[in-house]
Amino acid sequence: MLDPKAKREKFKSLAESRTNKALEAIGRLANLSNRSLYEWEEEDVRRILRVLRSEVAEVESRFSSPRSKASPKFKL
């Protein structure tokens, strides 16, 4: 069993790594806004933003009241 200090360090390490990966992925999504390279509809953007907001709300909820839930995969 990990001691509290080790658990804290493990959390910090994983949180930083996973948050940075999420930020990079969001940045790649933002790159899709380039109309000279991609064609998209406003409804596509609304659906992407809706699912992102929903997942962020789920993260907030789980830190308030931890429980397990498998995240669905997104598809347009």
PDB file of N, CA and C in Angstrom:
ATOM      1  N   MET A   1       0.839  -1.184   0.000  1.00  0.00           N
ATOM      2  CA  MET A   1       0.000   0.000   0.000  1.00  0.00           C
ATOM      3  C   MET A   1       0.882   1.245   0.000  1.00  0.00           C
ATOM      4  N   LEU A   2       0.537   2.203  -0.828  1.00  0.00           N
ATOM      5  CA  LEU A   2       1.327   3.429  -0.925  1.00  0.00           C
ATOM      6  C   LEU A   2       1.058   4.345   0.259  1.00  0.00           C
ATOM      7  N   ASP A   3       2.116   4.990   0.740  1.00  0.00           N
ATOM      8  CA  ASP A   3       1.916   5.952   1.813  1.00  0.00           C
ATOM      9  C   ASP A   3       1.309   7.227   1.221  1.00  0.00           C
ATOM     10  N   PRO A   4       0.706   8.089   2.039  1.00  0.00           N
ATOM     11  CA  PRO A   4       0.036   9.295   1.524  1.00  0.00           C
ATOM     12  C   PRO A   4       0.935  10.180   0.658  1.00  0.00           C
ATOM     13  N   LYS A   5       2.205  10.305   1.024  1.00  0.00           N
ATOM     14  CA  LYS A   5       3.115  11.139   0.228  1.00  0.00           C
ATOM     15  C   LYS A   5       3.332  10.539  -1.158  1.00  0.00           C
ATOM     16  N   ALA A   6       3.494   9.223  -1.220  1.00  0.00           N
ATOM     17  CA  ALA A   6       3.686   8.546  -2.509  1.00  0.00           C
ATOM     18  C   ALA A   6       2.422   8.639  -3.353  1.00  0.00           C
ATOM     19  N   LYS A   7       1.255   8.510  -2.707  1.00  0.00           N
ATOM     20  CA  LYS A   7      -0.014   8.624  -3.442  1.00  0.00           C
ATOM     21  C   LYS A   7      -0.171  10.029  -4.019  1.00  0.00           C
ATOM     22  N   ARG A   8       0.234  11.032  -3.241  1.00  0.00           N
ATOM     23  CA  ARG A   8       0.153  12.424  -3.699  1.00  0.00           C
ATOM     24  C   ARG A   8       1.069  12.643  -4.902  1.00  0.00           C
ATOM     25  N   GLU A   9       2.292  12.133  -4.815  1.00  0.00           N
ATOM     26  CA  GLU A   9       3.244  12.293  -5.916  1.00  0.00           C
ATOM     27  C   GLU A   9       2.759  11.568  -7.168  1.00  0.00           C
ATOM     28  N   LYS A  10       2.186  10.385  -7.000  1.00  0.00           N
ATOM     29  CA  LYS A  10       1.655   9.644  -8.143  1.00  0.00           C
ATOM     30  C   LYS A  10       0.507  10.423  -8.786  1.00  0.00           C
ATOM     31  N   PHE A  11      -0.391  10.982  -7.935  1.00  0.00           N
ATOM     32  CA  PHE A  11      -1.495  11.783  -8.459  1.00  0.00           C
ATOM     33  C   PHE A  11      -0.961  12.974  -9.252  1.00  0.00           C
ATOM     34  N   LYS A  12      -0.008  13.714  -8.673  1.00  0.00           N
ATOM     35  CA  LYS A  12       0.522  14.896  -9.351  1.00  0.00           C
ATOM     36  C   LYS A  12       1.142  14.542 -10.694  1.00  0.00           C
ATOM     37  N   SER A  13       1.919  13.469 -10.711  1.00  0.00           N
ATOM     38  CA  SER A  13       2.581  13.054 -11.942  1.00  0.00           C
ATOM     39  C   SER A  13       1.559  12.690 -13.026  1.00  0.00           C
ATOM     40  N   LEU A  14       0.598  11.855 -12.653  1.00  0.00           N
ATOM     41  CA  LEU A  14      -0.415  11.436 -13.623  1.00  0.00           C
ATOM     42  C   LEU A  14      -1.320  12.602 -14.031  1.00  0.00           C
ATOM     43  N   ALA A  15      -1.694  13.448 -13.081  1.00  0.00           N
ATOM     44  CA  ALA A  15      -2.567  14.584 -13.386  1.00  0.00           C
ATOM     45  C   ALA A  15      -1.897  15.538 -14.368  1.00  0.00           C
ATOM     46  N   GLU A  16      -0.623  15.831 -14.144  1.00  0.00           N
ATOM     47  CA  GLU A  16       0.095  16.716 -15.062  1.00  0.00           C
ATOM     48  C   GLU A  16       0.197  16.104 -16.452  1.00  0.00           C
ATOM     49  N   SER A  17       0.572  14.848 -16.513  1.00  0.00           N
ATOM     50  CA  SER A  17       0.730  14.170 -17.799  1.00  0.00           C
ATOM     51  C   SER A  17      -0.598  14.104 -18.561  1.00  0.00           C
ATOM     52  N   ARG A  18      -1.652  13.662 -17.882  1.00  0.00           N
ATOM     53  CA  ARG A  18      -2.949  13.505 -18.545  1.00  0.00           C
ATOM     54  C   ARG A  18      -3.563  14.845 -18.919  1.00  0.00           C
ATOM     55  N   THR A  19      -3.377  15.861 -18.069  1.00  0.00           N
ATOM     56  CA  THR A  19      -3.905  17.190 -18.386  1.00  0.00           C
ATOM     57  C   THR A  19      -3.188  17.769 -19.600  1.00  0.00           C
ATOM     58  N   ASN A  20      -1.878  17.610 -19.644  1.00  0.00           N
ATOM     59  CA  ASN A  20      -1.129  18.113 -20.801  1.00  0.00           C
ATOM     60  C   ASN A  20      -1.540  17.403 -22.086  1.00  0.00           C
ATOM     61  N   LYS A  21      -1.778  16.097 -22.019  1.00  0.00           N
ATOM     62  CA  LYS A  21      -2.243  15.360 -23.198  1.00  0.00           C
ATOM     63  C   LYS A  21      -3.623  15.855 -23.631  1.00  0.00           C
ATOM     64  N   ALA A  22      -4.502  16.121 -22.657  1.00  0.00           N
ATOM     65  CA  ALA A  22      -5.835  16.633 -22.979  1.00  0.00           C
ATOM     66  C   ALA A  22      -5.738  18.008 -23.628  1.00  0.00           C
ATOM     67  N   LEU A  23      -4.870  18.860 -23.097  1.00  0.00           N
ATOM     68  CA  LEU A  23      -4.695  20.194 -23.681  1.00  0.00           C
ATOM     69  C   LEU A  23      -4.155  20.119 -25.110  1.00  0.00           C
ATOM     70  N   GLU A  24      -3.232  19.204 -25.348  1.00  0.00           N
ATOM     71  CA  GLU A  24      -2.705  19.014 -26.708  1.00  0.00           C
ATOM     72  C   GLU A  24      -3.809  18.529 -27.645  1.00  0.00           C
ATOM     73  N   ALA A  25      -4.641  17.607 -27.177  1.00  0.00           N
ATOM     74  CA  ALA A  25      -5.737  17.094 -28.001  1.00  0.00           C
ATOM     75  C   ALA A  25      -6.745  18.204 -28.312  1.00  0.00           C
ATOM     76  N   ILE A  26      -7.035  19.048 -27.332  1.00  0.00           N
ATOM     77  CA  ILE A  26      -7.947  20.172 -27.559  1.00  0.00           C
ATOM     78  C   ILE A  26      -7.344  21.130 -28.575  1.00  0.00           C
ATOM     79  N   GLY A  27      -6.047  21.349 -28.490  1.00  0.00           N
ATOM     80  CA  GLY A  27      -5.373  22.198 -29.474  1.00  0.00           C
ATOM     81  C   GLY A  27      -5.479  21.630 -30.880  1.00  0.00           C
ATOM     82  N   ARG A  28      -5.380  20.313 -30.995  1.00  0.00           N
ATOM     83  CA  ARG A  28      -5.524  19.683 -32.313  1.00  0.00           C
ATOM     84  C   ARG A  28      -6.956  19.818 -32.822  1.00  0.00           C
ATOM     85  N   LEU A  29      -7.926  19.756 -31.915  1.00  0.00           N
ATOM     86  CA  LEU A  29      -9.315  20.002 -32.322  1.00  0.00           C
ATOM     87  C   LEU A  29      -9.462  21.424 -32.841  1.00  0.00           C
ATOM     88  N   ALA A  30      -8.852  22.374 -32.159  1.00  0.00           N
ATOM     89  CA  ALA A  30      -8.933  23.775 -32.582  1.00  0.00           C
ATOM     90  C   ALA A  30      -8.346  23.967 -33.980  1.00  0.00           C
ATOM     91  N   ASN A  31      -7.337  23.181 -34.317  1.00  0.00           N
ATOM     92  CA  ASN A  31      -6.743  23.277 -35.653  1.00  0.00           C
ATOM     93  C   ASN A  31      -7.754  22.941 -36.753  1.00  0.00           C
ATOM     94  N   LEU A  32      -8.768  22.158 -36.420  1.00  0.00           N
ATOM     95  CA  LEU A  32      -9.792  21.790 -37.400  1.00  0.00           C
ATOM     96  C   LEU A  32     -10.648  22.981 -37.829  1.00  0.00           C
ATOM     97  N   SER A  33     -10.519  24.096 -37.134  1.00  0.00           N
ATOM     98  CA  SER A  33     -11.315  25.282 -37.475  1.00  0.00           C
ATOM     99  C   SER A  33     -10.828  25.960 -38.759  1.00  0.00           C
ATOM    100  N   ASN A  34      -9.680  25.569 -39.273  1.00  0.00           N
ATOM    101  CA  ASN A  34      -9.104  26.170 -40.476  1.00  0.00           C
ATOM    102  C   ASN A  34      -9.946  25.794 -41.698  1.00  0.00           C
ATOM    103  N   ARG A  35     -10.756  26.741 -42.159  1.00  0.00           N
ATOM    104  CA  ARG A  35     -11.669  26.490 -43.292  1.00  0.00           C
ATOM    105  C   ARG A  35     -10.929  26.258 -44.616  1.00  0.00           C
ATOM    106  N   SER A  36      -9.680  26.684 -44.707  1.00  0.00           N
ATOM    107  CA  SER A  36      -8.954  26.440 -45.955  1.00  0.00           C
ATOM    108  C   SER A  36      -8.496  24.982 -46.059  1.00  0.00           C
ATOM    109  N   LEU A  37      -8.506  24.270 -44.941  1.00  0.00           N
ATOM    110  CA  LEU A  37      -8.094  22.868 -44.942  1.00  0.00           C
ATOM    111  C   LEU A  37      -9.241  21.895 -44.705  1.00  0.00           C
ATOM    112  N   TYR A  38     -10.284  22.352 -44.021  1.00  0.00           N
ATOM    113  CA  TYR A  38     -11.376  21.457 -43.629  1.00  0.00           C
ATOM    114  C   TYR A  38     -12.728  22.092 -43.910  1.00  0.00           C
ATOM    115  N   GLU A  39     -13.707  21.247 -44.114  1.00  0.00           N
ATOM    116  CA  GLU A  39     -15.076  21.720 -44.280  1.00  0.00           C
ATOM    117  C   GLU A  39     -15.907  21.138 -43.154  1.00  0.00           C
ATOM    118  N   TRP A  40     -16.616  22.003 -42.458  1.00  0.00           N
ATOM    119  CA  TRP A  40     -17.438  21.556 -41.345  1.00  0.00           C
ATOM    120  C   TRP A  40     -18.673  22.433 -41.245  1.00  0.00           C
ATOM    121  N   GLU A  41     -19.661  21.898 -40.553  1.00  0.00           N
ATOM    122  CA  GLU A  41     -20.911  22.621 -40.346  1.00  0.00           C
ATOM    123  C   GLU A  41     -21.002  23.056 -38.894  1.00  0.00           C
ATOM    124  N   GLU A  42     -21.764  24.108 -38.648  1.00  0.00           N
ATOM    125  CA  GLU A  42     -21.932  24.611 -37.278  1.00  0.00           C
ATOM    126  C   GLU A  42     -22.451  23.523 -36.349  1.00  0.00           C
ATOM    127  N   GLU A  43     -23.329  22.664 -36.834  1.00  0.00           N
ATOM    128  CA  GLU A  43     -23.860  21.587 -36.004  1.00  0.00           C
ATOM    129  C   GLU A  43     -22.747  20.635 -35.573  1.00  0.00           C
ATOM    130  N   ASP A  44     -21.773  20.382 -36.438  1.00  0.00           N
ATOM    131  CA  ASP A  44     -20.633  19.547 -36.071  1.00  0.00           C
ATOM    132  C   ASP A  44     -19.892  20.157 -34.882  1.00  0.00           C
ATOM    133  N   VAL A  45     -19.652  21.453 -34.968  1.00  0.00           N
ATOM    134  CA  VAL A  45     -18.927  22.167 -33.905  1.00  0.00           C
ATOM    135  C   VAL A  45     -19.732  22.133 -32.609  1.00  0.00           C
ATOM    136  N   ARG A  46     -21.031  22.371 -32.696  1.00  0.00           N
ATOM    137  CA  ARG A  46     -21.881  22.332 -31.496  1.00  0.00           C
ATOM    138  C   ARG A  46     -21.834  20.962 -30.836  1.00  0.00           C
ATOM    139  N   ARG A  47     -21.846  19.907 -31.644  1.00  0.00           N
ATOM    140  CA  ARG A  47     -21.808  18.545 -31.085  1.00  0.00           C
ATOM    141  C   ARG A  47     -20.468  18.267 -30.408  1.00  0.00           C
ATOM    142  N   ILE A  48     -19.383  18.693 -31.026  1.00  0.00           N
ATOM    143  CA  ILE A  48     -18.056  18.513 -30.432  1.00  0.00           C
ATOM    144  C   ILE A  48     -17.982  19.254 -29.098  1.00  0.00           C
ATOM    145  N   LEU A  49     -18.381  20.516 -29.093  1.00  0.00           N
ATOM    146  CA  LEU A  49     -18.305  21.314 -27.866  1.00  0.00           C
ATOM    147  C   LEU A  49     -19.237  20.774 -26.788  1.00  0.00           C
ATOM    148  N   ARG A  50     -20.402  20.293 -27.183  1.00  0.00           N
ATOM    149  CA  ARG A  50     -21.346  19.727 -26.214  1.00  0.00           C
ATOM    150  C   ARG A  50     -20.742  18.512 -25.517  1.00  0.00           C
ATOM    151  N   VAL A  51     -20.132  17.613 -26.285  1.00  0.00           N
ATOM    152  CA  VAL A  51     -19.567  16.407 -25.682  1.00  0.00           C
ATOM    153  C   VAL A  51     -18.350  16.752 -24.820  1.00  0.00           C
ATOM    154  N   LEU A  52     -17.556  17.730 -25.213  1.00  0.00           N
ATOM    155  CA  LEU A  52     -16.421  18.148 -24.393  1.00  0.00           C
ATOM    156  C   LEU A  52     -16.903  18.746 -23.074  1.00  0.00           C
ATOM    157  N   ARG A  53     -17.903  19.620 -23.144  1.00  0.00           N
ATOM    158  CA  ARG A  53     -18.449  20.208 -21.914  1.00  0.00           C
ATOM    159  C   ARG A  53     -19.027  19.122 -21.001  1.00  0.00           C
ATOM    160  N   SER A  54     -19.700  18.168 -21.591  1.00  0.00           N
ATOM    161  CA  SER A  54     -20.291  17.084 -20.829  1.00  0.00           C
ATOM    162  C   SER A  54     -19.222  16.277 -20.098  1.00  0.00           C
ATOM    163  N   GLU A  55     -18.138  15.975 -20.769  1.00  0.00           N
ATOM    164  CA  GLU A  55     -17.062  15.201 -20.142  1.00  0.00           C
ATOM    165  C   GLU A  55     -16.350  16.000 -19.063  1.00  0.00           C
ATOM    166  N   VAL A  56     -16.169  17.309 -19.273  1.00  0.00           N
ATOM    167  CA  VAL A  56     -15.573  18.141 -18.224  1.00  0.00           C
ATOM    168  C   VAL A  56     -16.493  18.171 -17.006  1.00  0.00           C
ATOM    169  N   ALA A  57     -17.797  18.280 -17.223  1.00  0.00           N
ATOM    170  CA  ALA A  57     -18.757  18.245 -16.113  1.00  0.00           C
ATOM    171  C   ALA A  57     -18.686  16.906 -15.386  1.00  0.00           C
ATOM    172  N   GLU A  58     -18.489  15.822 -16.129  1.00  0.00           N
ATOM    173  CA  GLU A  58     -18.359  14.499 -15.523  1.00  0.00           C
ATOM    174  C   GLU A  58     -17.109  14.428 -14.653  1.00  0.00           C
ATOM    175  N   VAL A  59     -16.007  14.995 -15.117  1.00  0.00           N
ATOM    176  CA  VAL A  59     -14.775  15.019 -14.320  1.00  0.00           C
ATOM    177  C   VAL A  59     -15.026  15.787 -13.024  1.00  0.00           C
ATOM    178  N   GLU A  60     -15.653  16.954 -13.126  1.00  0.00           N
ATOM    179  CA  GLU A  60     -15.960  17.742 -11.934  1.00  0.00           C
ATOM    180  C   GLU A  60     -16.826  16.944 -10.964  1.00  0.00           C
ATOM    181  N   SER A  61     -17.819  16.280 -11.493  1.00  0.00           N
ATOM    182  CA  SER A  61     -18.731  15.496 -10.675  1.00  0.00           C
ATOM    183  C   SER A  61     -18.002  14.360  -9.957  1.00  0.00           C
ATOM    184  N   ARG A  62     -17.113  13.693 -10.679  1.00  0.00           N
ATOM    185  CA  ARG A  62     -16.410  12.560 -10.078  1.00  0.00           C
ATOM    186  C   ARG A  62     -15.437  12.999  -9.001  1.00  0.00           C
ATOM    187  N   PHE A  63     -14.868  14.200  -9.109  1.00  0.00           N
ATOM    188  CA  PHE A  63     -14.012  14.692  -8.035  1.00  0.00           C
ATOM    189  C   PHE A  63     -14.855  15.095  -6.830  1.00  0.00           C
ATOM    190  N   SER A  64     -16.094  15.492  -7.044  1.00  0.00           N
ATOM    191  CA  SER A  64     -16.994  15.824  -5.939  1.00  0.00           C
ATOM    192  C   SER A  64     -17.551  14.573  -5.288  1.00  0.00           C
ATOM    193  N   SER A  65     -17.883  13.583  -6.116  1.00  0.00           N
ATOM    194  CA  SER A  65     -18.475  12.344  -5.634  1.00  0.00           C
ATOM    195  C   SER A  65     -17.970  11.198  -6.504  1.00  0.00           C
ATOM    196  N   PRO A  66     -16.808  10.618  -6.159  1.00  0.00           N
ATOM    197  CA  PRO A  66     -16.214   9.578  -7.004  1.00  0.00           C
ATOM    198  C   PRO A  66     -17.134   8.371  -7.239  1.00  0.00           C
ATOM    199  N   ARG A  67     -17.211   7.970  -8.487  1.00  0.00           N
ATOM    200  CA  ARG A  67     -17.939   6.771  -8.891  1.00  0.00           C
ATOM    201  C   ARG A  67     -17.392   6.373 -10.247  1.00  0.00           C
ATOM    202  N   SER A  68     -17.604   5.147 -10.624  1.00  0.00           N
ATOM    203  CA  SER A  68     -17.049   4.704 -11.894  1.00  0.00           C
ATOM    204  C   SER A  68     -18.077   4.895 -13.011  1.00  0.00           C
ATOM    205  N   LYS A  69     -17.586   5.273 -14.173  1.00  0.00           N
ATOM    206  CA  LYS A  69     -18.415   5.431 -15.358  1.00  0.00           C
ATOM    207  C   LYS A  69     -17.505   5.351 -16.567  1.00  0.00           C
ATOM    208  N   ALA A  70     -17.851   4.504 -17.495  1.00  0.00           N
ATOM    209  CA  ALA A  70     -17.087   4.398 -18.735  1.00  0.00           C
ATOM    210  C   ALA A  70     -17.512   5.524 -19.661  1.00  0.00           C
ATOM    211  N   SER A  71     -16.534   6.219 -20.240  1.00  0.00           N
ATOM    212  CA  SER A  71     -16.838   7.305 -21.157  1.00  0.00           C
ATOM    213  C   SER A  71     -17.186   6.753 -22.526  1.00  0.00           C
ATOM    214  N   PRO A  72     -18.293   7.237 -23.100  1.00  0.00           N
ATOM    215  CA  PRO A  72     -18.628   6.802 -24.454  1.00  0.00           C
ATOM    216  C   PRO A  72     -17.663   7.422 -25.459  1.00  0.00           C
ATOM    217  N   LYS A  73     -17.494   6.775 -26.574  1.00  0.00           N
ATOM    218  CA  LYS A  73     -16.667   7.321 -27.639  1.00  0.00           C
ATOM    219  C   LYS A  73     -17.480   8.296 -28.465  1.00  0.00           C
ATOM    220  N   PHE A  74     -16.852   9.364 -28.926  1.00  0.00           N
ATOM    221  CA  PHE A  74     -17.525  10.394 -29.716  1.00  0.00           C
ATOM    222  C   PHE A  74     -17.494  10.031 -31.189  1.00  0.00           C
ATOM    223  N   LYS A  75     -18.600  10.295 -31.884  1.00  0.00           N
ATOM    224  CA  LYS A  75     -18.681  10.077 -33.322  1.00  0.00           C
ATOM    225  C   LYS A  75     -19.650  11.096 -33.892  1.00  0.00           C
ATOM    226  N   LEU A  76     -19.254  11.747 -34.975  1.00  0.00           N
ATOM    227  CA  LEU A  76     -20.152  12.707 -35.647  1.00  0.00           C
ATOM    228  C   LEU A  76     -21.207  11.976 -36.426  1.00  0.00           C
TER     229      LEU A  76
END
